[in-house]
Amino acid sequence: MPMLIKCVQMSDGPVLEIGSGLFSTSLLHWLCYEKGRKLITYENNLDYFSFAKSFQSRNHRIRFIKDWDEIDTEAKMHWSVVLIDHTPEERRKIDAIRLKDKADYIIIHDTDCESKYGFDEVWPHFKYRYDWRGCRPWTTVVSNFKDVSKIEKPNITK
């Protein structure tokens, strides 16, 4: 959540959520709603899709897909923020690399499972990387456009 909030606040364009979630979908919805930003959520699990569908609005489109290759990463769209948090988890590395030149900030969830999900194959494709390890699961922000290594650490107290 901290990196998601931070990256959305540091940007102003469209947002892509690959894999909906109980927390991320509602958070992104309201962060984007307030500014009238375009948000597209893709989901392949019918249960999560049903949940996410309740957030469908003029600026927030919810799409069910069976195959993650159906996401058109070749389109001319440039995303401000992309959240990658879908299943199967091993697919996350593929989509991070596919979107490497299509987004200012790519946020990848569960990066504490680096070797399990093959994230070590992702990092060489990006100029900048920031690992947020405030709690598990870890989250990593990568970019080829923005120097995320200088992201101000959120002030979180326990």
Foldseek 3Di string as FASTA:
>chain_A
DVVLVLLLVVDQAAEEEEADDPPVLVVVLVSCVVNVYAYEYEAADPVRLVVSVVSDDPRYHYYHDNDPVPPPLVDPAAAAEYEQDYPPLLCSLVVLLSCQPRYAKYKYWQCVCCVVSVCVVRVVSFPEKDWDPPDPPIMMITHNHDHCNPRDDDDDDD
